[in-house]
C-alpha cells in the first residue's frame, strides 16, 4: 500500500504487516529498530475513523506491544471523539496529506 511506503520513509524504518502466529491479531503496519517498535493501522475508507475503531486498535496493540509507538492512518480523517481518544492514548493520527 502506497501510504505504508510513505510512512516508512517518514519514520525512516522498514515497515511491514504483522500477524500473530495463531492468526488472531493483525496489524497493517509494524516495524522495529533496536528498542523502537511501531505498530499501526491504515483505513482507506470514504468515512472518518470513529472512536470504536481506535479503541479496538489500542486494545489489541497493548496486548502485544505495550511500549510501541502507535500510528493510525485514515483517508478521510477522524471524528472529534476519535481525536480526543487518540490524544489520550498517544496514538499518532495521520491523513494522506501528512505523508
PDB file of N, CA and C in Angstrom:
ATOM      1  N   UNK A   1       0.853  -1.184   0.000  1.00  0.00           N
ATOM      2  CA  UNK A   1       0.000   0.000   0.000  1.00  0.00           C
ATOM      3  C   UNK A   1       0.892   1.239   0.000  1.00  0.00           C
ATOM      4  N   UNK A   2       0.565   2.171  -0.831  1.00  0.00           N
ATOM      5  CA  UNK A   2       1.381   3.367  -1.013  1.00  0.00           C
ATOM      6  C   UNK A   2       1.544   4.166   0.277  1.00  0.00           C
ATOM      7  N   UNK A   3       0.484   4.316   1.061  1.00  0.00           N
ATOM      8  CA  UNK A   3       0.589   5.093   2.298  1.00  0.00           C
ATOM      9  C   UNK A   3       1.542   4.429   3.284  1.00  0.00           C
ATOM     10  N   UNK A   4       1.617   3.108   3.280  1.00  0.00           N
ATOM     11  CA  UNK A   4       2.564   2.398   4.135  1.00  0.00           C
ATOM     12  C   UNK A   4       4.003   2.696   3.754  1.00  0.00           C
ATOM     13  N   UNK A   5       4.270   2.750   2.459  1.00  0.00           N
ATOM     14  CA  UNK A   5       5.623   3.082   1.994  1.00  0.00           C
ATOM     15  C   UNK A   5       5.982   4.518   2.368  1.00  0.00           C
ATOM     16  N   UNK A   6       5.015   5.412   2.257  1.00  0.00           N
ATOM     17  CA  UNK A   6       5.267   6.811   2.616  1.00  0.00           C
ATOM     18  C   UNK A   6       5.541   6.942   4.114  1.00  0.00           C
ATOM     19  N   UNK A   7       4.789   6.201   4.917  1.00  0.00           N
ATOM     20  CA  UNK A   7       5.002   6.239   6.362  1.00  0.00           C
ATOM     21  C   UNK A   7       6.374   5.659   6.704  1.00  0.00           C
ATOM     22  N   UNK A   8       6.758   4.605   6.022  1.00  0.00           N
ATOM     23  CA  UNK A   8       8.075   4.004   6.218  1.00  0.00           C
ATOM     24  C   UNK A   8       9.178   5.033   5.983  1.00  0.00           C
ATOM     25  N   UNK A   9       9.027   5.800   4.934  1.00  0.00           N
ATOM     26  CA  UNK A   9      10.007   6.844   4.615  1.00  0.00           C
ATOM     27  C   UNK A   9       9.991   7.944   5.682  1.00  0.00           C
ATOM     28  N   UNK A  10       8.791   8.350   6.106  1.00  0.00           N
ATOM     29  CA  UNK A  10       8.643   9.385   7.123  1.00  0.00           C
ATOM     30  C   UNK A  10       9.307   8.975   8.438  1.00  0.00           C
ATOM     31  N   UNK A  11       9.141   7.715   8.828  1.00  0.00           N
ATOM     32  CA  UNK A  11       9.691   7.219  10.093  1.00  0.00           C
ATOM     33  C   UNK A  11      11.129   6.733   9.965  1.00  0.00           C
ATOM     34  N   UNK A  12      11.602   6.658   8.731  1.00  0.00           N
ATOM     35  CA  UNK A  12      12.958   6.189   8.457  1.00  0.00           C
ATOM     36  C   UNK A  12      13.194   4.774   8.991  1.00  0.00           C
ATOM     37  N   UNK A  13      12.239   3.891   8.725  1.00  0.00           N
ATOM     38  CA  UNK A  13      12.380   2.495   9.111  1.00  0.00           C
ATOM     39  C   UNK A  13      11.569   1.619   8.171  1.00  0.00           C
ATOM     40  N   UNK A  14      12.011   0.389   8.012  1.00  0.00           N
ATOM     41  CA  UNK A  14      11.289  -0.559   7.173  1.00  0.00           C
ATOM     42  C   UNK A  14      10.038  -1.017   7.917  1.00  0.00           C
ATOM     43  N   UNK A  15       8.896  -0.942   7.246  1.00  0.00           N
ATOM     44  CA  UNK A  15       7.631  -1.364   7.834  1.00  0.00           C
ATOM     45  C   UNK A  15       7.049  -2.511   7.020  1.00  0.00           C
ATOM     46  N   UNK A  16       6.341  -3.373   7.700  1.00  0.00           N
ATOM     47  CA  UNK A  16       5.621  -4.457   7.035  1.00  0.00           C
ATOM     48  C   UNK A  16       4.341  -4.689   7.824  1.00  0.00           C
ATOM     49  N   UNK A  17       3.568  -5.665   7.429  1.00  0.00           N
ATOM     50  CA  UNK A  17       2.394  -6.025   8.224  1.00  0.00           C
ATOM     51  C   UNK A  17       2.837  -7.023   9.298  1.00  0.00           C
ATOM     52  N   UNK A  18       1.960  -7.280  10.259  1.00  0.00           N
ATOM     53  CA  UNK A  18       2.278  -8.207  11.338  1.00  0.00           C
ATOM     54  C   UNK A  18       1.042  -9.032  11.653  1.00  0.00           C
ATOM     55  N   UNK A  19       1.219 -10.330  11.773  1.00  0.00           N
ATOM     56  CA  UNK A  19       0.156 -11.238  12.190  1.00  0.00           C
ATOM     57  C   UNK A  19       0.723 -12.166  13.254  1.00  0.00           C
ATOM     58  N   UNK A  20      -0.022 -12.371  14.336  1.00  0.00           N
ATOM     59  CA  UNK A  20       0.433 -13.293  15.372  1.00  0.00           C
ATOM     60  C   UNK A  20       0.497 -14.707  14.792  1.00  0.00           C
ATOM     61  N   UNK A  21       1.317 -15.574  15.378  1.00  0.00           N
ATOM     62  CA  UNK A  21       1.443 -16.939  14.856  1.00  0.00           C
ATOM     63  C   UNK A  21       0.113 -17.692  14.752  1.00  0.00           C
ATOM     64  N   UNK A  22      -0.825 -17.400  15.648  1.00  0.00           N
ATOM     65  CA  UNK A  22      -2.126 -18.077  15.583  1.00  0.00           C
ATOM     66  C   UNK A  22      -3.099 -17.397  14.623  1.00  0.00           C
ATOM     67  N   UNK A  23      -2.678 -16.285  14.024  1.00  0.00           N
ATOM     68  CA  UNK A  23      -3.506 -15.589  13.048  1.00  0.00           C
ATOM     69  C   UNK A  23      -4.651 -14.781  13.629  1.00  0.00           C
ATOM     70  N   UNK A  24      -4.690 -14.632  14.938  1.00  0.00           N
ATOM     71  CA  UNK A  24      -5.814 -13.963  15.588  1.00  0.00           C
ATOM     72  C   UNK A  24      -5.709 -12.441  15.595  1.00  0.00           C
ATOM     73  N   UNK A  25      -4.496 -11.916  15.602  1.00  0.00           N
ATOM     74  CA  UNK A  25      -4.307 -10.468  15.661  1.00  0.00           C
ATOM     75  C   UNK A  25      -3.444 -10.042  14.481  1.00  0.00           C
ATOM     76  N   UNK A  26      -3.885  -8.983  13.812  1.00  0.00           N
ATOM     77  CA  UNK A  26      -3.213  -8.489  12.613  1.00  0.00           C
ATOM     78  C   UNK A  26      -3.042  -6.975  12.688  1.00  0.00           C
ATOM     79  N   UNK A  27      -1.922  -6.490  12.183  1.00  0.00           N
ATOM     80  CA  UNK A  27      -1.690  -5.056  12.061  1.00  0.00           C
ATOM     81  C   UNK A  27      -1.216  -4.760  10.649  1.00  0.00           C
ATOM     82  N   UNK A  28      -1.654  -3.640  10.102  1.00  0.00           N
ATOM     83  CA  UNK A  28      -1.228  -3.228   8.763  1.00  0.00           C
ATOM     84  C   UNK A  28       0.216  -2.750   8.760  1.00  0.00           C
ATOM     85  N   UNK A  29       0.653  -2.194   9.879  1.00  0.00           N
ATOM     86  CA  UNK A  29       1.975  -1.574   9.980  1.00  0.00           C
ATOM     87  C   UNK A  29       2.722  -2.152  11.175  1.00  0.00           C
ATOM     88  N   UNK A  30       3.958  -2.576  10.935  1.00  0.00           N
ATOM     89  CA  UNK A  30       4.829  -2.999  12.030  1.00  0.00           C
ATOM     90  C   UNK A  30       6.276  -2.743  11.624  1.00  0.00           C
ATOM     91  N   UNK A  31       7.048  -2.209  12.545  1.00  0.00           N
ATOM     92  CA  UNK A  31       8.468  -2.009  12.308  1.00  0.00           C
ATOM     93  C   UNK A  31       9.224  -1.971  13.618  1.00  0.00           C
ATOM     94  N   UNK A  32      10.500  -2.366  13.551  1.00  0.00           N
ATOM     95  CA  UNK A  32      11.325  -2.351  14.758  1.00  0.00           C
ATOM     96  C   UNK A  32      12.770  -2.057  14.377  1.00  0.00           C
ATOM     97  N   UNK A  33      13.351  -1.108  15.093  1.00  0.00           N
ATOM     98  CA  UNK A  33      14.778  -0.820  15.004  1.00  0.00           C
ATOM     99  C   UNK A  33      15.270  -0.710  16.441  1.00  0.00           C
ATOM    100  N   UNK A  34      16.141  -1.605  16.849  1.00  0.00           N
ATOM    101  CA  UNK A  34      16.616  -1.608  18.228  1.00  0.00           C
ATOM    102  C   UNK A  34      15.449  -1.803  19.178  1.00  0.00           C
ATOM    103  N   UNK A  35      15.305  -0.888  20.122  1.00  0.00           N
ATOM    104  CA  UNK A  35      14.200  -0.962  21.081  1.00  0.00           C
ATOM    105  C   UNK A  35      12.949  -0.233  20.610  1.00  0.00           C
ATOM    106  N   UNK A  36      13.027   0.429  19.468  1.00  0.00           N
ATOM    107  CA  UNK A  36      11.891   1.213  18.966  1.00  0.00           C
ATOM    108  C   UNK A  36      10.969   0.331  18.123  1.00  0.00           C
ATOM    109  N   UNK A  37       9.710   0.218  18.548  1.00  0.00           N
ATOM    110  CA  UNK A  37       8.705  -0.527  17.791  1.00  0.00           C
ATOM    111  C   UNK A  37       7.590   0.415  17.366  1.00  0.00           C
ATOM    112  N   UNK A  38       7.099   0.207  16.161  1.00  0.00           N
ATOM    113  CA  UNK A  38       5.995   0.987  15.611  1.00  0.00           C
ATOM    114  C   UNK A  38       4.903   0.013  15.185  1.00  0.00           C
ATOM    115  N   UNK A  39       3.672   0.305  15.582  1.00  0.00           N
ATOM    116  CA  UNK A  39       2.520  -0.517  15.213  1.00  0.00           C
ATOM    117  C   UNK A  39       1.429   0.420  14.719  1.00  0.00           C
ATOM    118  N   UNK A  40       0.718   0.005  13.672  1.00  0.00           N
ATOM    119  CA  UNK A  40      -0.330   0.884  13.174  1.00  0.00           C
ATOM    120  C   UNK A  40      -1.350   0.211  12.290  1.00  0.00           C
ATOM    121  N   UNK A  41      -2.347   0.983  11.953  1.00  0.00           N
ATOM    122  CA  UNK A  41      -3.430   0.562  11.064  1.00  0.00           C
ATOM    123  C   UNK A  41      -3.595   1.601   9.971  1.00  0.00           C
ATOM    124  N   UNK A  42      -4.065   1.148   8.824  1.00  0.00           N
ATOM    125  CA  UNK A  42      -4.395   2.035   7.711  1.00  0.00           C
ATOM    126  C   UNK A  42      -5.840   1.765   7.322  1.00  0.00           C
ATOM    127  N   UNK A  43      -6.667   2.793   7.328  1.00  0.00           N
ATOM    128  CA  UNK A  43      -8.069   2.678   6.898  1.00  0.00           C
ATOM    129  C   UNK A  43      -8.274   3.598   5.709  1.00  0.00           C
ATOM    130  N   UNK A  44      -8.489   3.004   4.551  1.00  0.00           N
ATOM    131  CA  UNK A  44      -8.652   3.765   3.316  1.00  0.00           C
ATOM    132  C   UNK A  44     -10.117   3.711   2.907  1.00  0.00           C
ATOM    133  N   UNK A  45     -10.968   4.316   3.726  1.00  0.00           N
ATOM    134  CA  UNK A  45     -12.416   4.312   3.515  1.00  0.00           C
ATOM    135  C   UNK A  45     -12.898   5.725   3.240  1.00  0.00           C
ATOM    136  N   UNK A  46     -14.104   5.813   2.727  1.00  0.00           N
ATOM    137  CA  UNK A  46     -14.691   7.124   2.428  1.00  0.00           C
ATOM    138  C   UNK A  46     -15.496   7.666   3.602  1.00  0.00           C
ATOM    139  N   UNK A  47     -15.048   7.373   4.809  1.00  0.00           N
ATOM    140  CA  UNK A  47     -15.665   7.942   6.016  1.00  0.00           C
ATOM    141  C   UNK A  47     -14.593   8.072   7.097  1.00  0.00           C
ATOM    142  N   UNK A  48     -14.873   8.940   8.041  1.00  0.00           N
ATOM    143  CA  UNK A  48     -13.911   9.182   9.114  1.00  0.00           C
ATOM    144  C   UNK A  48     -13.819   7.971  10.045  1.00  0.00           C
ATOM    145  N   UNK A  49     -12.660   7.802  10.632  1.00  0.00           N
ATOM    146  CA  UNK A  49     -12.463   6.764  11.638  1.00  0.00           C
ATOM    147  C   UNK A  49     -13.143   7.230  12.916  1.00  0.00           C
ATOM    148  N   UNK A  50     -13.920   6.330  13.525  1.00  0.00           N
ATOM    149  CA  UNK A  50     -14.603   6.691  14.767  1.00  0.00           C
ATOM    150  C   UNK A  50     -13.858   6.130  15.974  1.00  0.00           C
ATOM    151  N   UNK A  51     -14.320   6.497  17.147  1.00  0.00           N
ATOM    152  CA  UNK A  51     -13.630   6.123  18.380  1.00  0.00           C
ATOM    153  C   UNK A  51     -13.632   4.610  18.586  1.00  0.00           C
ATOM    154  N   UNK A  52     -14.664   3.910  18.146  1.00  0.00           N
ATOM    155  CA  UNK A  52     -14.715   2.451  18.330  1.00  0.00           C
ATOM    156  C   UNK A  52     -13.571   1.751  17.601  1.00  0.00           C
ATOM    157  N   UNK A  53     -13.271   2.181  16.387  1.00  0.00           N
ATOM    158  CA  UNK A  53     -12.152   1.585  15.646  1.00  0.00           C
ATOM    159  C   UNK A  53     -10.823   1.848  16.355  1.00  0.00           C
ATOM    160  N   UNK A  54     -10.652   3.053  16.848  1.00  0.00           N
ATOM    161  CA  UNK A  54      -9.415   3.384  17.570  1.00  0.00           C
ATOM    162  C   UNK A  54      -9.287   2.587  18.861  1.00  0.00           C
ATOM    163  N   UNK A  55     -10.379   2.447  19.596  1.00  0.00           N
ATOM    164  CA  UNK A  55     -10.342   1.681  20.841  1.00  0.00           C
ATOM    165  C   UNK A  55      -9.948   0.231  20.573  1.00  0.00           C
ATOM    166  N   UNK A  56     -10.526  -0.350  19.543  1.00  0.00           N
ATOM    167  CA  UNK A  56     -10.207  -1.738  19.186  1.00  0.00           C
ATOM    168  C   UNK A  56      -8.720  -1.871  18.845  1.00  0.00           C
ATOM    169  N   UNK A  57      -8.205  -0.930  18.074  1.00  0.00           N
ATOM    170  CA  UNK A  57      -6.792  -0.934  17.703  1.00  0.00           C
ATOM    171  C   UNK A  57      -5.896  -0.834  18.938  1.00  0.00           C
ATOM    172  N   UNK A  58      -6.170   0.125  19.818  1.00  0.00           N
ATOM    173  CA  UNK A  58      -5.337   0.329  21.008  1.00  0.00           C
ATOM    174  C   UNK A  58      -5.369  -0.908  21.899  1.00  0.00           C
ATOM    175  N   UNK A  59      -6.543  -1.499  22.081  1.00  0.00           N
ATOM    176  CA  UNK A  59      -6.657  -2.692  22.923  1.00  0.00           C
ATOM    177  C   UNK A  59      -5.800  -3.830  22.390  1.00  0.00           C
ATOM    178  N   UNK A  60      -5.886  -4.105  21.094  1.00  0.00           N
ATOM    179  CA  UNK A  60      -5.101  -5.228  20.561  1.00  0.00           C
ATOM    180  C   UNK A  60      -3.610  -4.889  20.504  1.00  0.00           C
ATOM    181  N   UNK A  61      -3.262  -3.626  20.274  1.00  0.00           N
ATOM    182  CA  UNK A  61      -1.847  -3.240  20.252  1.00  0.00           C
ATOM    183  C   UNK A  61      -1.217  -3.396  21.631  1.00  0.00           C
ATOM    184  N   UNK A  62      -1.929  -3.006  22.669  1.00  0.00           N
ATOM    185  CA  UNK A  62      -1.386  -3.064  24.026  1.00  0.00           C
ATOM    186  C   UNK A  62      -1.187  -4.501  24.505  1.00  0.00           C
ATOM    187  N   UNK A  63      -1.956  -5.443  23.965  1.00  0.00           N
ATOM    188  CA  UNK A  63      -1.789  -6.850  24.324  1.00  0.00           C
ATOM    189  C   UNK A  63      -0.398  -7.343  23.926  1.00  0.00           C
ATOM    190  N   UNK A  64       0.062  -6.930  22.758  1.00  0.00           N
ATOM    191  CA  UNK A  64       1.328  -7.427  22.215  1.00  0.00           C
ATOM    192  C   UNK A  64       2.498  -6.466  22.339  1.00  0.00           C
ATOM    193  N   UNK A  65       2.221  -5.180  22.260  1.00  0.00           N
ATOM    194  CA  UNK A  65       3.285  -4.178  22.161  1.00  0.00           C
ATOM    195  C   UNK A  65       3.029  -3.043  23.145  1.00  0.00           C
ATOM    196  N   UNK A  66       3.322  -3.266  24.391  1.00  0.00           N
ATOM    197  CA  UNK A  66       2.988  -2.300  25.436  1.00  0.00           C
ATOM    198  C   UNK A  66       3.655  -0.939  25.247  1.00  0.00           C
ATOM    199  N   UNK A  67       4.890  -0.918  24.770  1.00  0.00           N
ATOM    200  CA  UNK A  67       5.620   0.345  24.655  1.00  0.00           C
ATOM    201  C   UNK A  67       5.782   0.843  23.227  1.00  0.00           C
ATOM    202  N   UNK A  68       5.074   0.263  22.288  1.00  0.00           N
ATOM    203  CA  UNK A  68       5.229   0.644  20.877  1.00  0.00           C
ATOM    204  C   UNK A  68       4.629   2.020  20.601  1.00  0.00           C
ATOM    205  N   UNK A  69       5.187   2.687  19.588  1.00  0.00           N
ATOM    206  CA  UNK A  69       4.587   3.915  19.073  1.00  0.00           C
ATOM    207  C   UNK A  69       3.390   3.494  18.224  1.00  0.00           C
ATOM    208  N   UNK A  70       2.248   4.111  18.461  1.00  0.00           N
ATOM    209  CA  UNK A  70       1.028   3.744  17.746  1.00  0.00           C
ATOM    210  C   UNK A  70       0.683   4.789  16.693  1.00  0.00           C
ATOM    211  N   UNK A  71       0.383   4.307  15.485  1.00  0.00           N
ATOM    212  CA  UNK A  71       0.021   5.174  14.357  1.00  0.00           C
ATOM    213  C   UNK A  71      -1.282   4.683  13.750  1.00  0.00           C
ATOM    214  N   UNK A  72      -2.122   5.638  13.363  1.00  0.00           N
ATOM    215  CA  UNK A  72      -3.369   5.302  12.675  1.00  0.00           C
ATOM    216  C   UNK A  72      -3.488   6.233  11.476  1.00  0.00           C
ATOM    217  N   UNK A  73      -3.548   5.645  10.286  1.00  0.00           N
ATOM    218  CA  UNK A  73      -3.635   6.410   9.047  1.00  0.00           C
ATOM    219  C   UNK A  73      -5.054   6.283   8.507  1.00  0.00           C
ATOM    220  N   UNK A  74      -5.680   7.406   8.189  1.00  0.00           N
ATOM    221  CA  UNK A  74      -7.051   7.410   7.687  1.00  0.00           C
ATOM    222  C   UNK A  74      -7.180   8.317   6.469  1.00  0.00           C
ATOM    223  N   UNK A  75      -7.790   7.800   5.438  1.00  0.00           N
ATOM    224  CA  UNK A  75      -8.015   8.577   4.215  1.00  0.00           C
ATOM    225  C   UNK A  75      -8.879   9.806   4.485  1.00  0.00           C
ATOM    226  N   UNK A  76      -9.940   9.637   5.266  1.00  0.00           N
ATOM    227  CA  UNK A  76     -10.922  10.711   5.473  1.00  0.00           C
ATOM    228  C   UNK A  76     -10.835  11.386   6.837  1.00  0.00           C
ATOM    229  N   UNK A  77      -9.809  11.078   7.600  1.00  0.00           N
ATOM    230  CA  UNK A  77      -9.657  11.745   8.886  1.00  0.00           C
ATOM    231  C   UNK A  77     -10.351  11.021  10.025  1.00  0.00           C
ATOM    232  N   UNK A  78     -10.607  11.754  11.091  1.00  0.00           N
ATOM    233  CA  UNK A  78     -11.082  11.181  12.341  1.00  0.00           C
ATOM    234  C   UNK A  78     -12.227  12.016  12.905  1.00  0.00           C
ATOM    235  N   UNK A  79     -13.173  11.362  13.574  1.00  0.00           N
ATOM    236  CA  UNK A  79     -14.231  12.104  14.252  1.00  0.00           C
ATOM    237  C   UNK A  79     -13.610  12.853  15.430  1.00  0.00           C
ATOM    238  N   UNK A  80     -14.308  13.850  15.939  1.00  0.00           N
ATOM    239  CA  UNK A  80     -13.767  14.622  17.066  1.00  0.00           C
ATOM    240  C   UNK A  80     -13.583  13.728  18.292  1.00  0.00           C
ATOM    241  N   UNK A  81     -14.506  12.798  18.519  1.00  0.00           N
ATOM    242  CA  UNK A  81     -14.387  11.871  19.647  1.00  0.00           C
ATOM    243  C   UNK A  81     -13.157  10.968  19.475  1.00  0.00           C
ATOM    244  N   UNK A  82     -12.912  10.528  18.255  1.00  0.00           N
ATOM    245  CA  UNK A  82     -11.734   9.695  17.970  1.00  0.00           C
ATOM    246  C   UNK A  82     -10.450  10.485  18.202  1.00  0.00           C
ATOM    247  N   UNK A  83     -10.448  11.748  17.818  1.00  0.00           N
ATOM    248  CA  UNK A  83      -9.263  12.593  18.024  1.00  0.00           C
ATOM    249  C   UNK A  83      -8.947  12.737  19.512  1.00  0.00           C
ATOM    250  N   UNK A  84      -9.977  12.949  20.319  1.00  0.00           N
ATOM    251  CA  UNK A  84      -9.780  13.071  21.767  1.00  0.00           C
ATOM    252  C   UNK A  84      -9.205  11.787  22.345  1.00  0.00           C
ATOM    253  N   UNK A  85      -9.797  10.673  21.942  1.00  0.00           N
ATOM    254  CA  UNK A  85      -9.341   9.374  22.440  1.00  0.00           C
ATOM    255  C   UNK A  85      -7.893   9.119  22.014  1.00  0.00           C
ATOM    256  N   UNK A  86      -7.585   9.360  20.748  1.00  0.00           N
ATOM    257  CA  UNK A  86      -6.232   9.129  20.232  1.00  0.00           C
ATOM    258  C   UNK A  86      -5.213   9.960  21.005  1.00  0.00           C
ATOM    259  N   UNK A  87      -5.550  11.198  21.273  1.00  0.00           N
ATOM    260  CA  UNK A  87      -4.654  12.070  22.028  1.00  0.00           C
ATOM    261  C   UNK A  87      -4.416  11.509  23.425  1.00  0.00           C
ATOM    262  N   UNK A  88      -5.472  11.024  24.067  1.00  0.00           N
ATOM    263  CA  UNK A  88      -5.347  10.492  25.430  1.00  0.00           C
ATOM    264  C   UNK A  88      -4.528   9.206  25.478  1.00  0.00           C
ATOM    265  N   UNK A  89      -4.468   8.481  24.372  1.00  0.00           N
ATOM    266  CA  UNK A  89      -3.735   7.204  24.317  1.00  0.00           C
ATOM    267  C   UNK A  89      -2.416   7.308  23.546  1.00  0.00           C
ATOM    268  N   UNK A  90      -2.020   8.516  23.198  1.00  0.00           N
ATOM    269  CA  UNK A  90      -0.773   8.756  22.456  1.00  0.00           C
ATOM    270  C   UNK A  90      -0.722   8.042  21.107  1.00  0.00           C
ATOM    271  N   UNK A  91      -1.856   7.997  20.429  1.00  0.00           N
ATOM    272  CA  UNK A  91      -1.908   7.446  19.075  1.00  0.00           C
ATOM    273  C   UNK A  91      -1.672   8.600  18.108  1.00  0.00           C
ATOM    274  N   UNK A  92      -0.717   8.448  17.234  1.00  0.00           N
ATOM    275  CA  UNK A  92      -0.430   9.483  16.243  1.00  0.00           C
ATOM    276  C   UNK A  92      -1.364   9.290  15.056  1.00  0.00           C
ATOM    277  N   UNK A  93      -2.176  10.288  14.786  1.00  0.00           N
ATOM    278  CA  UNK A  93      -3.149  10.229  13.695  1.00  0.00           C
ATOM    279  C   UNK A  93      -2.568  10.891  12.458  1.00  0.00           C
ATOM    280  N   UNK A  94      -2.686  10.216  11.325  1.00  0.00           N
ATOM    281  CA  UNK A  94      -2.181  10.757  10.069  1.00  0.00           C
ATOM    282  C   UNK A  94      -3.232  10.615   8.980  1.00  0.00           C
ATOM    283  N   UNK A  95      -3.224  11.578   8.073  1.00  0.00           N
ATOM    284  CA  UNK A  95      -4.055  11.513   6.877  1.00  0.00           C
ATOM    285  C   UNK A  95      -3.128  11.537   5.670  1.00  0.00           C
ATOM    286  N   UNK A  96      -3.689  11.316   4.501  1.00  0.00           N
ATOM    287  CA  UNK A  96      -2.885  11.231   3.289  1.00  0.00           C
ATOM    288  C   UNK A  96      -1.966  12.440   3.126  1.00  0.00           C
ATOM    289  N   UNK A  97      -2.478  13.629   3.400  1.00  0.00           N
ATOM    290  CA  UNK A  97      -1.666  14.838   3.212  1.00  0.00           C
ATOM    291  C   UNK A  97      -0.498  14.930   4.198  1.00  0.00           C
ATOM    292  N   UNK A  98      -0.542  14.145   5.273  1.00  0.00           N
ATOM    293  CA  UNK A  98       0.556  14.136   6.243  1.00  0.00           C
ATOM    294  C   UNK A  98       1.736  13.289   5.775  1.00  0.00           C
ATOM    295  N   UNK A  99       1.489  12.465   4.785  1.00  0.00           N
ATOM    296  CA  UNK A  99       2.528  11.503   4.363  1.00  0.00           C
ATOM    297  C   UNK A  99       3.332  11.991   3.201  1.00  0.00           C
TER     298      UNK A  99
END
